Amino acid sequence: MNEHDINDAELGPVDPAAAQHHDASLCPECEGAGVLADGETCPLCDGSGQASGRTGGG
């Protein structure tokens, strides 16, 4: 192996599509946190962090 080669032997297989899809049970606005980045309660899930009928979840 040359010094400028990248050693990716320990990385294992990666599904690039998995990084693009979030958990459908979590609120898409706050991503399950229940609060927005500014500290306000998420208006979409009302602070629960769970997807609702309004967000396309269950």
C-alpha atoms as a PDB file:
ATOM      1  CA  MET A   1       0.000   0.000   0.000  1.00  0.00           C
ATOM      2  CA  ASN A   2       1.368   3.419  -0.941  1.00  0.00           C
ATOM      3  CA  GLU A   3       1.395   6.301   1.523  1.00  0.00           C
ATOM      4  CA  HIS A   4      -1.228   8.208  -0.507  1.00  0.00           C
ATOM      5  CA  ASP A   5      -3.655   5.262  -0.735  1.00  0.00           C
ATOM      6  CA  ILE A   6      -6.739   5.256   1.472  1.00  0.00           C
ATOM      7  CA  ASN A   7      -7.069   2.241   3.742  1.00  0.00           C
ATOM      8  CA  ASP A   8     -10.764   1.376   3.661  1.00  0.00           C
ATOM      9  CA  ALA A   9     -10.424  -2.245   4.737  1.00  0.00           C
ATOM     10  CA  GLU A  10     -12.175  -1.668   8.094  1.00  0.00           C
ATOM     11  CA  LEU A  11     -15.064   0.406   6.754  1.00  0.00           C
ATOM     12  CA  GLY A  12     -17.172  -2.491   5.498  1.00  0.00           C
ATOM     13  CA  PRO A  13     -20.051  -2.290   3.045  1.00  0.00           C
ATOM     14  CA  VAL A  14     -22.065   0.937   3.060  1.00  0.00           C
ATOM     15  CA  ASP A  15     -25.528   1.500   1.643  1.00  0.00           C
ATOM     16  CA  PRO A  16     -25.552   5.090   0.315  1.00  0.00           C
ATOM     17  CA  ALA A  17     -29.355   5.115   0.258  1.00  0.00           C
ATOM     18  CA  ALA A  18     -29.526   4.446   4.007  1.00  0.00           C
ATOM     19  CA  ALA A  19     -28.050   7.854   4.789  1.00  0.00           C
ATOM     20  CA  GLN A  20     -30.720   9.598   2.719  1.00  0.00           C
ATOM     21  CA  HIS A  21     -33.765   8.137   4.460  1.00  0.00           C
ATOM     22  CA  HIS A  22     -34.618   9.030   8.013  1.00  0.00           C
ATOM     23  CA  ASP A  23     -36.728   6.956  10.374  1.00  0.00           C
ATOM     24  CA  ALA A  24     -40.370   7.361   9.259  1.00  0.00           C
ATOM     25  CA  SER A  25     -41.588   7.176  12.867  1.00  0.00           C
ATOM     26  CA  LEU A  26     -39.716  10.382  13.780  1.00  0.00           C
ATOM     27  CA  CYS A  27     -40.928  13.908  13.126  1.00  0.00           C
ATOM     28  CA  PRO A  28     -39.284  15.188   9.914  1.00  0.00           C
ATOM     29  CA  GLU A  29     -38.995  18.734  11.286  1.00  0.00           C
ATOM     30  CA  CYS A  30     -37.131  18.083  14.558  1.00  0.00           C
ATOM     31  CA  GLU A  31     -35.947  14.527  13.702  1.00  0.00           C
ATOM     32  CA  GLY A  32     -37.322  13.124  16.948  1.00  0.00           C
ATOM     33  CA  ALA A  33     -35.851  15.709  19.315  1.00  0.00           C
ATOM     34  CA  GLY A  34     -39.160  17.425  20.084  1.00  0.00           C
ATOM     35  CA  VAL A  35     -37.497  20.841  19.981  1.00  0.00           C
ATOM     36  CA  LEU A  36     -36.089  22.927  17.164  1.00  0.00           C
ATOM     37  CA  ALA A  37     -32.489  24.158  17.002  1.00  0.00           C
ATOM     38  CA  ASP A  38     -33.489  27.457  18.616  1.00  0.00           C
ATOM     39  CA  GLY A  39     -34.954  25.648  21.652  1.00  0.00           C
ATOM     40  CA  GLU A  40     -38.610  26.150  20.721  1.00  0.00           C
ATOM     41  CA  THR A  41     -41.066  23.242  20.952  1.00  0.00           C
ATOM     42  CA  CYS A  42     -41.524  21.709  17.525  1.00  0.00           C
ATOM     43  CA  PRO A  43     -44.828  22.965  16.069  1.00  0.00           C
ATOM     44  CA  LEU A  44     -45.207  19.948  13.809  1.00  0.00           C
ATOM     45  CA  CYS A  45     -45.180  17.212  16.463  1.00  0.00           C
ATOM     46  CA  ASP A  46     -46.007  19.420  19.494  1.00  0.00           C
ATOM     47  CA  GLY A  47     -42.838  18.279  21.246  1.00  0.00           C
ATOM     48  CA  SER A  48     -43.440  14.531  21.057  1.00  0.00           C
ATOM     49  CA  GLY A  49     -40.773  13.869  18.438  1.00  0.00           C
ATOM     50  CA  GLN A  50     -43.021  11.298  16.798  1.00  0.00           C
ATOM     51  CA  ALA A  51     -44.478  11.534  13.316  1.00  0.00           C
ATOM     52  CA  SER A  52     -48.182  12.245  13.250  1.00  0.00           C
ATOM     53  CA  GLY A  53     -50.905  12.263  10.626  1.00  0.00           C
ATOM     54  CA  ARG A  54     -49.878  15.827   9.742  1.00  0.00           C
ATOM     55  CA  THR A  55     -46.285  14.765   9.102  1.00  0.00           C
ATOM     56  CA  GLY A  56     -47.126  11.675   7.094  1.00  0.00           C
ATOM     57  CA  GLY A  57     -46.438   9.186   9.862  1.00  0.00           C
ATOM     58  CA  GLY A  58     -48.701   6.879  11.806  1.00  0.00           C
END
